[in-house]
Amino acid sequence: MGDREKLHELRQQAHSAGIEGNSKMTEDQLREALRRVGKGEQPQMAKQQAKR
């Protein structure tokens, strides 16, 4: 799978998890936010923490 496809898949997963406005997040930020949501954190809080 190419990098663009991988990033697209991560963005879709983030959207499904409730992480809105993820188009400017990096791959690492998306992974971190998804990991945090998986542990029970609120999606928008996970997004903010991942962007730090």
N, C-alpha and C. Protein backbone atom coordinates (compact mmCIF):
# COMPACT_ATOMS: atom_id res chain seq x y z
N MET A 1 0.86 -1.17 0.00
CA MET A 1 0.00 0.00 0.00
C MET A 1 0.91 1.24 0.00
N GLY A 2 0.58 2.20 -0.85
CA GLY A 2 1.38 3.41 -0.93
C GLY A 2 1.13 4.34 0.24
N ASP A 3 2.02 5.31 0.38
CA ASP A 3 1.89 6.27 1.47
C ASP A 3 0.58 7.05 1.41
N ARG A 4 0.20 7.44 0.21
CA ARG A 4 -1.05 8.21 0.06
C ARG A 4 -2.26 7.37 0.46
N GLU A 5 -2.24 6.10 0.05
CA GLU A 5 -3.35 5.21 0.40
C GLU A 5 -3.41 4.97 1.90
N LYS A 6 -2.23 4.80 2.50
CA LYS A 6 -2.16 4.58 3.95
C LYS A 6 -2.71 5.80 4.70
N LEU A 7 -2.31 6.99 4.26
CA LEU A 7 -2.77 8.22 4.89
C LEU A 7 -4.28 8.39 4.71
N HIS A 8 -4.77 8.06 3.53
CA HIS A 8 -6.21 8.14 3.26
C HIS A 8 -6.98 7.20 4.18
N GLU A 9 -6.47 5.99 4.34
CA GLU A 9 -7.11 5.01 5.22
C GLU A 9 -7.13 5.50 6.67
N LEU A 10 -6.02 6.09 7.12
CA LEU A 10 -5.95 6.63 8.48
C LEU A 10 -6.96 7.76 8.66
N ARG A 11 -7.10 8.61 7.66
CA ARG A 11 -8.07 9.71 7.73
C ARG A 11 -9.50 9.18 7.81
N GLN A 12 -9.78 8.12 7.06
CA GLN A 12 -11.12 7.51 7.12
C GLN A 12 -11.37 6.91 8.50
N GLN A 13 -10.37 6.24 9.05
CA GLN A 13 -10.51 5.66 10.39
C GLN A 13 -10.73 6.77 11.42
N ALA A 14 -9.99 7.86 11.30
CA ALA A 14 -10.13 8.97 12.23
C ALA A 14 -11.54 9.57 12.13
N HIS A 15 -12.02 9.73 10.91
CA HIS A 15 -13.37 10.27 10.73
C HIS A 15 -14.41 9.35 11.36
N SER A 16 -14.26 8.04 11.14
CA SER A 16 -15.18 7.07 11.72
C SER A 16 -15.13 7.08 13.25
N ALA A 17 -13.96 7.41 13.80
CA ALA A 17 -13.80 7.45 15.26
C ALA A 17 -14.30 8.76 15.85
N GLY A 18 -14.72 9.69 14.97
CA GLY A 18 -15.26 10.95 15.47
C GLY A 18 -14.24 12.09 15.54
N ILE A 19 -13.06 11.87 14.98
CA ILE A 19 -12.03 12.90 14.97
C ILE A 19 -12.26 13.76 13.74
N GLU A 20 -12.93 14.88 13.95
CA GLU A 20 -13.29 15.76 12.84
C GLU A 20 -12.14 16.70 12.48
N GLY A 21 -12.12 17.15 11.24
CA GLY A 21 -11.13 18.12 10.82
C GLY A 21 -9.72 17.58 10.84
N ASN A 22 -9.52 16.37 10.35
CA ASN A 22 -8.21 15.74 10.44
C ASN A 22 -7.37 15.89 9.17
N SER A 23 -7.81 16.71 8.23
CA SER A 23 -7.13 16.80 6.93
C SER A 23 -5.72 17.36 7.00
N LYS A 24 -5.40 18.13 8.02
CA LYS A 24 -4.06 18.71 8.12
C LYS A 24 -3.17 17.98 9.12
N MET A 25 -3.67 16.88 9.66
CA MET A 25 -2.88 16.11 10.61
C MET A 25 -1.90 15.20 9.86
N THR A 26 -0.73 15.00 10.46
CA THR A 26 0.25 14.10 9.87
C THR A 26 -0.14 12.64 10.18
N GLU A 27 0.57 11.73 9.54
CA GLU A 27 0.31 10.31 9.78
C GLU A 27 0.54 9.95 11.25
N ASP A 28 1.64 10.47 11.82
CA ASP A 28 1.94 10.19 13.23
C ASP A 28 0.86 10.77 14.16
N GLN A 29 0.38 11.98 13.84
CA GLN A 29 -0.67 12.60 14.65
C GLN A 29 -1.96 11.79 14.56
N LEU A 30 -2.28 11.32 13.38
CA LEU A 30 -3.50 10.51 13.21
C LEU A 30 -3.40 9.22 14.02
N ARG A 31 -2.24 8.57 13.93
CA ARG A 31 -2.05 7.32 14.69
C ARG A 31 -2.18 7.55 16.19
N GLU A 32 -1.57 8.64 16.66
CA GLU A 32 -1.64 8.96 18.09
C GLU A 32 -3.07 9.25 18.52
N ALA A 33 -3.80 10.03 17.72
CA ALA A 33 -5.18 10.36 18.06
C ALA A 33 -6.04 9.10 18.06
N LEU A 34 -5.86 8.23 17.09
CA LEU A 34 -6.63 6.98 17.04
C LEU A 34 -6.30 6.09 18.24
N ARG A 35 -5.03 6.06 18.62
CA ARG A 35 -4.62 5.27 19.79
C ARG A 35 -5.31 5.80 21.05
N ARG A 36 -5.34 7.12 21.19
CA ARG A 36 -5.97 7.74 22.36
C ARG A 36 -7.48 7.47 22.39
N VAL A 37 -8.12 7.55 21.25
CA VAL A 37 -9.57 7.27 21.19
C VAL A 37 -9.81 5.81 21.54
N GLY A 38 -8.93 4.95 21.09
CA GLY A 38 -9.04 3.52 21.40
C GLY A 38 -8.95 3.24 22.89
N LYS A 39 -8.27 4.12 23.61
CA LYS A 39 -8.14 3.96 25.07
C LYS A 39 -9.27 4.65 25.82
N GLY A 40 -10.22 5.25 25.07
CA GLY A 40 -11.38 5.82 25.72
C GLY A 40 -11.41 7.34 25.81
N GLU A 41 -10.42 8.00 25.25
CA GLU A 41 -10.39 9.47 25.31
C GLU A 41 -11.40 10.05 24.31
N GLN A 42 -11.93 11.22 24.62
CA GLN A 42 -12.86 11.89 23.72
C GLN A 42 -12.14 12.24 22.42
N PRO A 43 -12.80 12.08 21.26
CA PRO A 43 -12.13 12.31 19.97
C PRO A 43 -11.48 13.68 19.82
N GLN A 44 -12.15 14.74 20.19
CA GLN A 44 -11.57 16.07 20.00
C GLN A 44 -10.40 16.31 20.96
N MET A 45 -10.48 15.77 22.15
CA MET A 45 -9.37 15.88 23.10
C MET A 45 -8.17 15.08 22.58
N ALA A 46 -8.44 13.91 22.04
CA ALA A 46 -7.37 13.09 21.46
C ALA A 46 -6.68 13.83 20.31
N LYS A 47 -7.48 14.51 19.50
CA LYS A 47 -6.94 15.27 18.38
C LYS A 47 -6.04 16.40 18.90
N GLN A 48 -6.50 17.13 19.88
CA GLN A 48 -5.71 18.24 20.43
C GLN A 48 -4.40 17.73 21.03
N GLN A 49 -4.46 16.64 21.77
CA GLN A 49 -3.25 16.09 22.40
C GLN A 49 -2.26 15.57 21.36
N ALA A 50 -2.78 14.98 20.29
CA ALA A 50 -1.92 14.42 19.26
C ALA A 50 -1.22 15.52 18.46
N LYS A 51 -1.83 16.68 18.38
CA LYS A 51 -1.24 17.77 17.59
C LYS A 51 -0.16 18.52 18.36
N ARG A 52 0.05 18.21 19.63
CA ARG A 52 1.08 18.91 20.43
C ARG A 52 2.44 18.37 20.12
